[in-house]
Structures are given as C-alpha cells and as structure tokens.
Amino acid sequence: MEKRMISLTFLILLLSVSFVLAGDPQTPPQQSFQALNNEIAECEANLSLLQQQLQELNQTLENVTRERDYYRTLYENMTVNVTNLELIQIKQNITILNQQIQQLNVSISTLERKTENILLKMWHLELGFGALVSVTLIETFVKVANEYKKRKEKKDEKPKASQSGENVAKKENKNEGDRKEE
C-alpha cells in the first residue's frame, strides 16, 4: 500500500514535469525559462502537499492496521468451536439438571410439610404436657390446702377439747353439786 502511494506520487510528479517540458517550443527562451521556473515552483508546492498527504495517509494506514489487528485478535479469542454433538450433550445435561432441580423442589416441599406436621404434633404435646402439669399443680395445691385445713381444724379441736373437757368436768361437778343439793 505504501509502495503504491510512493509510485503514484512519482507518477504525478513525472507527468507534471513532462507537461512542463512539452510546452510550446516557439516561446521565447526567457519566457519559457520563467514559465518553467513557475511550473517547477508550483510542482514543488504540489509535491510538498502530496508528501504531507502521503504522511497522513501512512499514519491513517498504520492506525487502521493496528485497529484491525486488535479487533481480529478479539474476534479470534472470542470464537468458540463447539460441535453439534457437544451442543446436544450440553442440552441433555441441562435437561438432567432441570429434572434434578424439580426433584429437589418436590423433596423440599415434602420436608416442609413433614416439618409442619412435626411442629403441630410438638405443639399438641406441649399443650398436653402443659395441661397435665397444670392439673397436677392444681391437684397439689388442693391437697396442700386440704391438709392445711385439716391441721388447722385439729389445732382448733385440741383447745376446744381441753375447753370441752373443762366444761364437761364443770358440768359433772355441777351435776354432782345439784345432786347433793337435792
């Protein structure tokens, strides 16, 4: 590409010089010399412009080449060679994994139901145990209250018994005194 540009530049230069040299031979020598100098100056100006454009084109070509190589490398690194057989195997593996996921979901649902049943049974057991403990505590309190009441009555009976015994003795004494009086 670069060689073409250089060749094109020299071809343009050669043609422009040949046109200058192929000018009218009947022009006076001083005029032709002046015209030649003007055309050479114009050609030199055109040549410098063409050289600048050539440098810019070469720089652009280098940039484009670098970008092309970069994107080619990216593309080559991104491509994956997968055969149809491998795609079929991957699809089968995905299908198997989906089935296993469904089985796990069913197992999880079953375990959740069993856990709920166990929790419900434990709650019933706790209620039953709580009721049993509360009945036992109430029964114990009732027994303790009855025992306390009996002891209190016994304590109350002892003083009454001693008072009754004195009353009985007094009554007997009184009865005896009444008998004597009679």
C-alpha atoms as a PDB file:
ATOM      1  CA  MET A   1       0.000   0.000   0.000  1.00  0.00           C
ATOM      2  CA  GLU A   2       2.832   2.332   0.884  1.00  0.00           C
ATOM      3  CA  LYS A   3       4.720   1.462  -2.311  1.00  0.00           C
ATOM      4  CA  ARG A   4       1.653   2.298  -4.364  1.00  0.00           C
ATOM      5  CA  MET A   5       1.406   5.708  -2.761  1.00  0.00           C
ATOM      6  CA  ILE A   6       5.063   6.474  -3.463  1.00  0.00           C
ATOM      7  CA  SER A   7       4.726   5.237  -7.044  1.00  0.00           C
ATOM      8  CA  LEU A   8       1.588   7.336  -7.520  1.00  0.00           C
ATOM      9  CA  THR A   9       3.369  10.415  -6.186  1.00  0.00           C
ATOM     10  CA  PHE A  10       6.323   9.997  -8.521  1.00  0.00           C
ATOM     11  CA  LEU A  11       3.999   9.308 -11.461  1.00  0.00           C
ATOM     12  CA  ILE A  12       2.136  12.554 -10.792  1.00  0.00           C
ATOM     13  CA  LEU A  13       5.452  14.383 -10.472  1.00  0.00           C
ATOM     14  CA  LEU A  14       6.774  12.854 -13.690  1.00  0.00           C
ATOM     15  CA  LEU A  15       3.603  13.741 -15.609  1.00  0.00           C
ATOM     16  CA  SER A  16       3.571  17.302 -14.354  1.00  0.00           C
ATOM     17  CA  VAL A  17       7.275  17.746 -15.275  1.00  0.00           C
ATOM     18  CA  SER A  18       6.712  16.183 -18.700  1.00  0.00           C
ATOM     19  CA  PHE A  19       3.832  18.593 -19.359  1.00  0.00           C
ATOM     20  CA  VAL A  20       6.076  21.475 -18.444  1.00  0.00           C
ATOM     21  CA  LEU A  21       8.815  20.260 -20.760  1.00  0.00           C
ATOM     22  CA  ALA A  22       6.336  19.606 -23.566  1.00  0.00           C
ATOM     23  CA  GLY A  23       5.380  23.264 -23.617  1.00  0.00           C
ATOM     24  CA  ASP A  24       5.291  25.421 -26.735  1.00  0.00           C
ATOM     25  CA  PRO A  25       8.795  25.361 -28.304  1.00  0.00           C
ATOM     26  CA  GLN A  26       8.242  28.649 -30.090  1.00  0.00           C
ATOM     27  CA  THR A  27       8.013  30.659 -26.901  1.00  0.00           C
ATOM     28  CA  PRO A  28      10.889  32.954 -26.317  1.00  0.00           C
ATOM     29  CA  PRO A  29      13.646  31.368 -24.218  1.00  0.00           C
ATOM     30  CA  GLN A  30      13.317  33.817 -21.332  1.00  0.00           C
ATOM     31  CA  GLN A  31       9.582  33.347 -21.191  1.00  0.00           C
ATOM     32  CA  SER A  32       9.910  29.614 -21.316  1.00  0.00           C
ATOM     33  CA  PHE A  33      12.556  29.751 -18.584  1.00  0.00           C
ATOM     34  CA  GLN A  34      10.292  31.909 -16.414  1.00  0.00           C
ATOM     35  CA  ALA A  35       7.328  29.652 -17.127  1.00  0.00           C
ATOM     36  CA  LEU A  36       9.442  26.631 -16.309  1.00  0.00           C
ATOM     37  CA  ASN A  37      10.505  28.175 -13.006  1.00  0.00           C
ATOM     38  CA  ASN A  38       6.866  28.970 -12.156  1.00  0.00           C
ATOM     39  CA  GLU A  39       5.762  25.485 -13.033  1.00  0.00           C
ATOM     40  CA  ILE A  40       8.643  23.961 -11.055  1.00  0.00           C
ATOM     41  CA  ALA A  41       7.690  26.086  -8.039  1.00  0.00           C
ATOM     42  CA  GLU A  42       4.084  25.011  -8.461  1.00  0.00           C
ATOM     43  CA  CYS A  43       5.163  21.382  -8.783  1.00  0.00           C
ATOM     44  CA  GLU A  44       7.331  21.681  -5.679  1.00  0.00           C
ATOM     45  CA  ALA A  45       4.385  23.157  -3.774  1.00  0.00           C
ATOM     46  CA  ASN A  46       2.159  20.373  -5.041  1.00  0.00           C
ATOM     47  CA  LEU A  47       4.874  17.862  -4.187  1.00  0.00           C
ATOM     48  CA  SER A  48       5.136  19.114  -0.604  1.00  0.00           C
ATOM     49  CA  LEU A  49       1.332  18.964  -0.271  1.00  0.00           C
ATOM     50  CA  LEU A  50       1.326  15.463  -1.703  1.00  0.00           C
ATOM     51  CA  GLN A  51       4.103  14.427   0.696  1.00  0.00           C
ATOM     52  CA  GLN A  52       2.065  15.749   3.649  1.00  0.00           C
ATOM     53  CA  GLN A  53      -0.998  13.905   2.423  1.00  0.00           C
ATOM     54  CA  LEU A  54       1.131  10.793   1.931  1.00  0.00           C
ATOM     55  CA  GLN A  55       2.400  11.021   5.517  1.00  0.00           C
ATOM     56  CA  GLU A  56      -1.159  11.479   6.803  1.00  0.00           C
ATOM     57  CA  LEU A  57      -2.351   8.527   4.741  1.00  0.00           C
ATOM     58  CA  ASN A  58       0.535   6.392   6.005  1.00  0.00           C
ATOM     59  CA  GLN A  59      -0.330   7.333   9.594  1.00  0.00           C
ATOM     60  CA  THR A  60      -4.000   6.538   8.986  1.00  0.00           C
ATOM     61  CA  LEU A  61      -2.996   3.230   7.403  1.00  0.00           C
ATOM     62  CA  GLU A  62      -0.905   2.347  10.463  1.00  0.00           C
ATOM     63  CA  ASN A  63      -3.801   3.221  12.783  1.00  0.00           C
ATOM     64  CA  VAL A  64      -6.251   1.191  10.725  1.00  0.00           C
ATOM     65  CA  THR A  65      -3.813  -1.742  10.660  1.00  0.00           C
ATOM     66  CA  ARG A  66      -3.427  -1.592  14.449  1.00  0.00           C
ATOM     67  CA  GLU A  67      -7.188  -1.470  14.970  1.00  0.00           C
ATOM     68  CA  ARG A  68      -7.701  -4.312  12.510  1.00  0.00           C
ATOM     69  CA  ASP A  69      -5.146  -6.459  14.334  1.00  0.00           C
ATOM     70  CA  TYR A  70      -6.728  -5.589  17.684  1.00  0.00           C
ATOM     71  CA  TYR A  71     -10.244  -6.490  16.559  1.00  0.00           C
ATOM     72  CA  ARG A  72      -9.013  -9.604  14.774  1.00  0.00           C
ATOM     73  CA  THR A  73      -7.328 -10.755  17.988  1.00  0.00           C
ATOM     74  CA  LEU A  74     -10.505 -10.049  19.946  1.00  0.00           C
ATOM     75  CA  TYR A  75     -12.591 -11.966  17.438  1.00  0.00           C
ATOM     76  CA  GLU A  76     -10.208 -14.926  17.394  1.00  0.00           C
ATOM     77  CA  ASN A  77     -10.168 -15.073  21.175  1.00  0.00           C
ATOM     78  CA  MET A  78     -13.951 -14.879  21.383  1.00  0.00           C
ATOM     79  CA  THR A  79     -14.783 -17.608  18.921  1.00  0.00           C
ATOM     80  CA  VAL A  80     -15.581 -20.973  20.429  1.00  0.00           C
ATOM     81  CA  ASN A  81     -15.545 -24.113  18.389  1.00  0.00           C
ATOM     82  CA  VAL A  82     -18.438 -26.243  19.613  1.00  0.00           C
ATOM     83  CA  THR A  83     -19.648 -29.196  17.622  1.00  0.00           C
ATOM     84  CA  ASN A  84     -23.262 -30.246  17.310  1.00  0.00           C
ATOM     85  CA  LEU A  85     -22.568 -33.334  19.436  1.00  0.00           C
ATOM     86  CA  GLU A  86     -21.220 -31.163  22.230  1.00  0.00           C
ATOM     87  CA  LEU A  87     -24.287 -28.909  21.984  1.00  0.00           C
ATOM     88  CA  ILE A  88     -26.562 -31.959  22.242  1.00  0.00           C
ATOM     89  CA  GLN A  89     -24.636 -33.185  25.307  1.00  0.00           C
ATOM     90  CA  ILE A  90     -24.871 -29.756  26.917  1.00  0.00           C
ATOM     91  CA  LYS A  91     -28.628 -29.668  26.268  1.00  0.00           C
ATOM     92  CA  GLN A  92     -29.023 -33.152  27.780  1.00  0.00           C
ATOM     93  CA  ASN A  93     -27.011 -32.108  30.833  1.00  0.00           C
ATOM     94  CA  ILE A  94     -29.223 -29.040  31.244  1.00  0.00           C
ATOM     95  CA  THR A  95     -32.335 -31.231  30.972  1.00  0.00           C
ATOM     96  CA  ILE A  96     -30.961 -33.620  33.609  1.00  0.00           C
ATOM     97  CA  LEU A  97     -30.113 -30.700  35.901  1.00  0.00           C
ATOM     98  CA  ASN A  98     -33.625 -29.269  35.478  1.00  0.00           C
ATOM     99  CA  GLN A  99     -35.121 -32.661  36.422  1.00  0.00           C
ATOM    100  CA  GLN A 100     -32.896 -32.845  39.492  1.00  0.00           C
ATOM    101  CA  ILE A 101     -33.942 -29.314  40.461  1.00  0.00           C
ATOM    102  CA  GLN A 102     -37.607 -30.320  40.162  1.00  0.00           C
ATOM    103  CA  GLN A 103     -36.963 -33.407  42.315  1.00  0.00           C
ATOM    104  CA  LEU A 104     -35.231 -31.239  44.898  1.00  0.00           C
ATOM    105  CA  ASN A 105     -38.188 -28.843  44.897  1.00  0.00           C
ATOM    106  CA  VAL A 106     -40.564 -31.764  45.489  1.00  0.00           C
ATOM    107  CA  SER A 107     -38.307 -33.070  48.279  1.00  0.00           C
ATOM    108  CA  ILE A 108     -38.167 -29.619  49.858  1.00  0.00           C
ATOM    109  CA  SER A 109     -41.971 -29.334  49.730  1.00  0.00           C
ATOM    110  CA  THR A 110     -42.310 -32.781  51.322  1.00  0.00           C
ATOM    111  CA  LEU A 111     -39.828 -31.873  54.053  1.00  0.00           C
ATOM    112  CA  GLU A 112     -41.675 -28.613  54.715  1.00  0.00           C
ATOM    113  CA  ARG A 113     -44.969 -30.487  55.129  1.00  0.00           C
ATOM    114  CA  LYS A 114     -43.332 -33.050  57.430  1.00  0.00           C
ATOM    115  CA  THR A 115     -41.759 -30.237  59.447  1.00  0.00           C
ATOM    116  CA  GLU A 116     -45.136 -28.523  59.786  1.00  0.00           C
ATOM    117  CA  ASN A 117     -46.708 -31.815  60.924  1.00  0.00           C
ATOM    118  CA  ILE A 118     -43.923 -32.383  63.456  1.00  0.00           C
ATOM    119  CA  LEU A 119     -44.279 -28.825  64.758  1.00  0.00           C
ATOM    120  CA  LEU A 120     -48.053 -29.295  65.048  1.00  0.00           C
ATOM    121  CA  LYS A 121     -47.571 -32.571  66.957  1.00  0.00           C
ATOM    122  CA  MET A 122     -44.998 -30.937  69.226  1.00  0.00           C
ATOM    123  CA  TRP A 123     -47.452 -28.118  69.887  1.00  0.00           C
ATOM    124  CA  HIS A 124     -50.155 -30.657  70.795  1.00  0.00           C
ATOM    125  CA  LEU A 125     -47.661 -32.475  73.015  1.00  0.00           C
ATOM    126  CA  GLU A 126     -46.706 -29.217  74.710  1.00  0.00           C
ATOM    127  CA  LEU A 127     -50.364 -28.388  75.277  1.00  0.00           C
ATOM    128  CA  GLY A 128     -50.986 -31.865  76.698  1.00  0.00           C
ATOM    129  CA  PHE A 129     -47.906 -31.715  78.884  1.00  0.00           C
ATOM    130  CA  GLY A 130     -48.801 -28.186  79.991  1.00  0.00           C
ATOM    131  CA  ALA A 131     -52.343 -29.287  80.823  1.00  0.00           C
ATOM    132  CA  LEU A 132     -51.011 -32.302  82.745  1.00  0.00           C
ATOM    133  CA  VAL A 133     -48.565 -30.145  84.677  1.00  0.00           C
ATOM    134  CA  SER A 134     -51.213 -27.544  85.432  1.00  0.00           C
ATOM    135  CA  VAL A 135     -53.710 -30.208  86.575  1.00  0.00           C
ATOM    136  CA  THR A 136     -51.003 -31.788  88.728  1.00  0.00           C
ATOM    137  CA  LEU A 137     -50.111 -28.410  90.224  1.00  0.00           C
ATOM    138  CA  ILE A 138     -53.755 -27.581  90.886  1.00  0.00           C
ATOM    139  CA  GLU A 139     -54.270 -31.005  92.468  1.00  0.00           C
ATOM    140  CA  THR A 140     -51.184 -30.481  94.614  1.00  0.00           C
ATOM    141  CA  PHE A 141     -52.406 -27.049  95.702  1.00  0.00           C
ATOM    142  CA  VAL A 142     -55.820 -28.504  96.546  1.00  0.00           C
ATOM    143  CA  LYS A 143     -54.200 -31.303  98.593  1.00  0.00           C
ATOM    144  CA  VAL A 144     -51.945 -28.847 100.384  1.00  0.00           C
ATOM    145  CA  ALA A 145     -54.936 -26.599 101.098  1.00  0.00           C
ATOM    146  CA  ASN A 146     -56.958 -29.578 102.432  1.00  0.00           C
ATOM    147  CA  GLU A 147     -54.028 -30.733 104.551  1.00  0.00           C
ATOM    148  CA  TYR A 148     -53.593 -27.215 105.899  1.00  0.00           C
ATOM    149  CA  LYS A 149     -57.303 -27.025 106.651  1.00  0.00           C
ATOM    150  CA  LYS A 150     -57.229 -30.385 108.448  1.00  0.00           C
ATOM    151  CA  ARG A 151     -54.249 -29.372 110.551  1.00  0.00           C
ATOM    152  CA  LYS A 152     -55.911 -26.115 111.394  1.00  0.00           C
ATOM    153  CA  GLU A 153     -59.078 -27.958 112.409  1.00  0.00           C
ATOM    154  CA  LYS A 154     -57.018 -30.341 114.542  1.00  0.00           C
ATOM    155  CA  LYS A 155     -55.333 -27.418 116.247  1.00  0.00           C
ATOM    156  CA  ASP A 156     -58.697 -25.811 116.781  1.00  0.00           C
ATOM    157  CA  GLU A 157     -60.126 -29.088 118.172  1.00  0.00           C
ATOM    158  CA  LYS A 158     -57.361 -29.507 120.779  1.00  0.00           C
ATOM    159  CA  PRO A 159     -58.118 -26.247 122.524  1.00  0.00           C
ATOM    160  CA  LYS A 160     -61.839 -26.968 122.208  1.00  0.00           C
ATOM    161  CA  ALA A 161     -61.259 -30.436 123.532  1.00  0.00           C
ATOM    162  CA  SER A 162     -59.419 -29.048 126.519  1.00  0.00           C
ATOM    163  CA  GLN A 163     -62.127 -26.454 126.905  1.00  0.00           C
ATOM    164  CA  SER A 164     -64.777 -29.096 126.398  1.00  0.00           C
ATOM    165  CA  GLY A 165     -63.025 -31.298 128.903  1.00  0.00           C
ATOM    166  CA  GLU A 166     -63.106 -28.483 131.429  1.00  0.00           C
ATOM    167  CA  ASN A 167     -66.703 -27.761 130.512  1.00  0.00           C
ATOM    168  CA  VAL A 168     -67.537 -31.424 130.879  1.00  0.00           C
ATOM    169  CA  ALA A 169     -65.749 -31.520 134.211  1.00  0.00           C
ATOM    170  CA  LYS A 170     -67.555 -28.390 135.285  1.00  0.00           C
ATOM    171  CA  LYS A 171     -70.830 -29.823 134.143  1.00  0.00           C
ATOM    172  CA  GLU A 172     -70.142 -33.004 136.011  1.00  0.00           C
ATOM    173  CA  ASN A 173     -69.198 -31.045 139.052  1.00  0.00           C
ATOM    174  CA  LYS A 174     -72.255 -29.009 138.647  1.00  0.00           C
ATOM    175  CA  ASN A 175     -74.369 -32.076 138.199  1.00  0.00           C
ATOM    176  CA  GLU A 176     -72.882 -33.549 141.312  1.00  0.00           C
ATOM    177  CA  GLY A 177     -73.479 -30.346 143.182  1.00  0.00           C
ATOM    178  CA  ASP A 178     -77.059 -30.329 142.032  1.00  0.00           C
ATOM    179  CA  ARG A 179     -77.476 -33.845 143.161  1.00  0.00           C
ATOM    180  CA  LYS A 180     -76.089 -33.061 146.512  1.00  0.00           C
ATOM    181  CA  GLU A 181     -78.361 -30.216 146.896  1.00  0.00           C
ATOM    182  CA  GLU A 182     -81.258 -32.312 146.200  1.00  0.00           C
END
